[in-house]
């Protein structure tokens, strides 16, 4: 089944990335806020390996700002 919070974080980061490039009708700032929230939620409930990936996703979001 996997970590649902981790999956949600990955999805929201992808949406935020797409929105920041203008390839989506989603508001980029709102998508970024949702992705950051999802990352925070996922981090508290993740394995060490997932945390490494979540930190990379956070770095990716930081570059979008």
C-alpha atoms as a PDB file:
ATOM      1  CA  UNK A   1       0.000   0.000   0.000  1.00  0.00           C
ATOM      2  CA  UNK A   2       2.797   2.434   0.790  1.00  0.00           C
ATOM      3  CA  UNK A   3       2.880   5.720   2.610  1.00  0.00           C
ATOM      4  CA  UNK A   4      -0.167   7.689   1.454  1.00  0.00           C
ATOM      5  CA  UNK A   5       1.198  10.986   2.796  1.00  0.00           C
ATOM      6  CA  UNK A   6       4.404  10.459   0.850  1.00  0.00           C
ATOM      7  CA  UNK A   7       2.433   9.735  -2.323  1.00  0.00           C
ATOM      8  CA  UNK A   8       0.330  12.870  -1.800  1.00  0.00           C
ATOM      9  CA  UNK A   9       3.459  14.957  -1.284  1.00  0.00           C
ATOM     10  CA  UNK A  10       4.953  13.659  -4.518  1.00  0.00           C
ATOM     11  CA  UNK A  11       1.734  14.446  -6.408  1.00  0.00           C
ATOM     12  CA  UNK A  12       1.409  17.965  -5.008  1.00  0.00           C
ATOM     13  CA  UNK A  13       5.050  18.780  -5.762  1.00  0.00           C
ATOM     14  CA  UNK A  14       4.488  17.680  -9.362  1.00  0.00           C
ATOM     15  CA  UNK A  15       1.405  19.905  -9.584  1.00  0.00           C
ATOM     16  CA  UNK A  16       3.298  22.869  -8.117  1.00  0.00           C
ATOM     17  CA  UNK A  17       6.146  22.353 -10.557  1.00  0.00           C
ATOM     18  CA  UNK A  18       3.731  22.242 -13.473  1.00  0.00           C
ATOM     19  CA  UNK A  19       1.872  25.330 -12.250  1.00  0.00           C
ATOM     20  CA  UNK A  20       5.104  27.290 -11.896  1.00  0.00           C
ATOM     21  CA  UNK A  21       5.931  26.698 -15.550  1.00  0.00           C
ATOM     22  CA  UNK A  22       2.527  27.952 -16.665  1.00  0.00           C
ATOM     23  CA  UNK A  23       1.459  24.535 -17.950  1.00  0.00           C
ATOM     24  CA  UNK A  24      -1.526  24.382 -15.623  1.00  0.00           C
ATOM     25  CA  UNK A  25      -4.579  26.427 -14.756  1.00  0.00           C
ATOM     26  CA  UNK A  26      -3.738  26.037 -11.059  1.00  0.00           C
ATOM     27  CA  UNK A  27      -2.560  29.141  -9.188  1.00  0.00           C
ATOM     28  CA  UNK A  28       1.207  28.640  -8.738  1.00  0.00           C
ATOM     29  CA  UNK A  29       1.349  30.166  -5.246  1.00  0.00           C
ATOM     30  CA  UNK A  30      -1.564  28.090  -3.995  1.00  0.00           C
ATOM     31  CA  UNK A  31      -0.046  24.933  -5.497  1.00  0.00           C
ATOM     32  CA  UNK A  32       3.252  25.752  -3.798  1.00  0.00           C
ATOM     33  CA  UNK A  33       1.544  26.250  -0.435  1.00  0.00           C
ATOM     34  CA  UNK A  34      -0.344  22.954  -0.762  1.00  0.00           C
ATOM     35  CA  UNK A  35       2.855  21.109  -1.714  1.00  0.00           C
ATOM     36  CA  UNK A  36       4.777  22.536   1.250  1.00  0.00           C
ATOM     37  CA  UNK A  37       1.998  21.486   3.600  1.00  0.00           C
ATOM     38  CA  UNK A  38       1.950  17.993   2.121  1.00  0.00           C
ATOM     39  CA  UNK A  39       5.718  17.693   2.515  1.00  0.00           C
ATOM     40  CA  UNK A  40       5.511  18.708   6.163  1.00  0.00           C
ATOM     41  CA  UNK A  41       2.779  16.161   6.840  1.00  0.00           C
ATOM     42  CA  UNK A  42       4.616  13.399   5.033  1.00  0.00           C
ATOM     43  CA  UNK A  43       7.964  14.054   6.705  1.00  0.00           C
ATOM     44  CA  UNK A  44       6.711  13.271  10.193  1.00  0.00           C
ATOM     45  CA  UNK A  45       5.466   9.844   9.093  1.00  0.00           C
ATOM     46  CA  UNK A  46       8.201   8.706   6.722  1.00  0.00           C
ATOM     47  CA  UNK A  47      11.048   6.240   6.671  1.00  0.00           C
ATOM     48  CA  UNK A  48      14.622   7.484   6.420  1.00  0.00           C
ATOM     49  CA  UNK A  49      14.696   6.699   2.695  1.00  0.00           C
ATOM     50  CA  UNK A  50      11.474   8.634   2.128  1.00  0.00           C
ATOM     51  CA  UNK A  51      12.847  11.568   4.125  1.00  0.00           C
ATOM     52  CA  UNK A  52      15.799  11.805   1.739  1.00  0.00           C
ATOM     53  CA  UNK A  53      13.389  12.025  -1.194  1.00  0.00           C
ATOM     54  CA  UNK A  54      11.173  14.525   0.630  1.00  0.00           C
ATOM     55  CA  UNK A  55      14.178  16.780   1.286  1.00  0.00           C
ATOM     56  CA  UNK A  56      14.960  16.688  -2.436  1.00  0.00           C
ATOM     57  CA  UNK A  57      11.359  17.605  -3.224  1.00  0.00           C
ATOM     58  CA  UNK A  58      11.633  20.494  -0.746  1.00  0.00           C
ATOM     59  CA  UNK A  59      14.799  21.677  -2.498  1.00  0.00           C
ATOM     60  CA  UNK A  60      12.950  21.534  -5.805  1.00  0.00           C
ATOM     61  CA  UNK A  61      10.121  23.660  -4.377  1.00  0.00           C
ATOM     62  CA  UNK A  62      12.603  26.157  -2.950  1.00  0.00           C
ATOM     63  CA  UNK A  63      13.968  26.676  -6.455  1.00  0.00           C
ATOM     64  CA  UNK A  64      10.495  27.503  -7.751  1.00  0.00           C
ATOM     65  CA  UNK A  65      10.124  30.505  -5.467  1.00  0.00           C
END
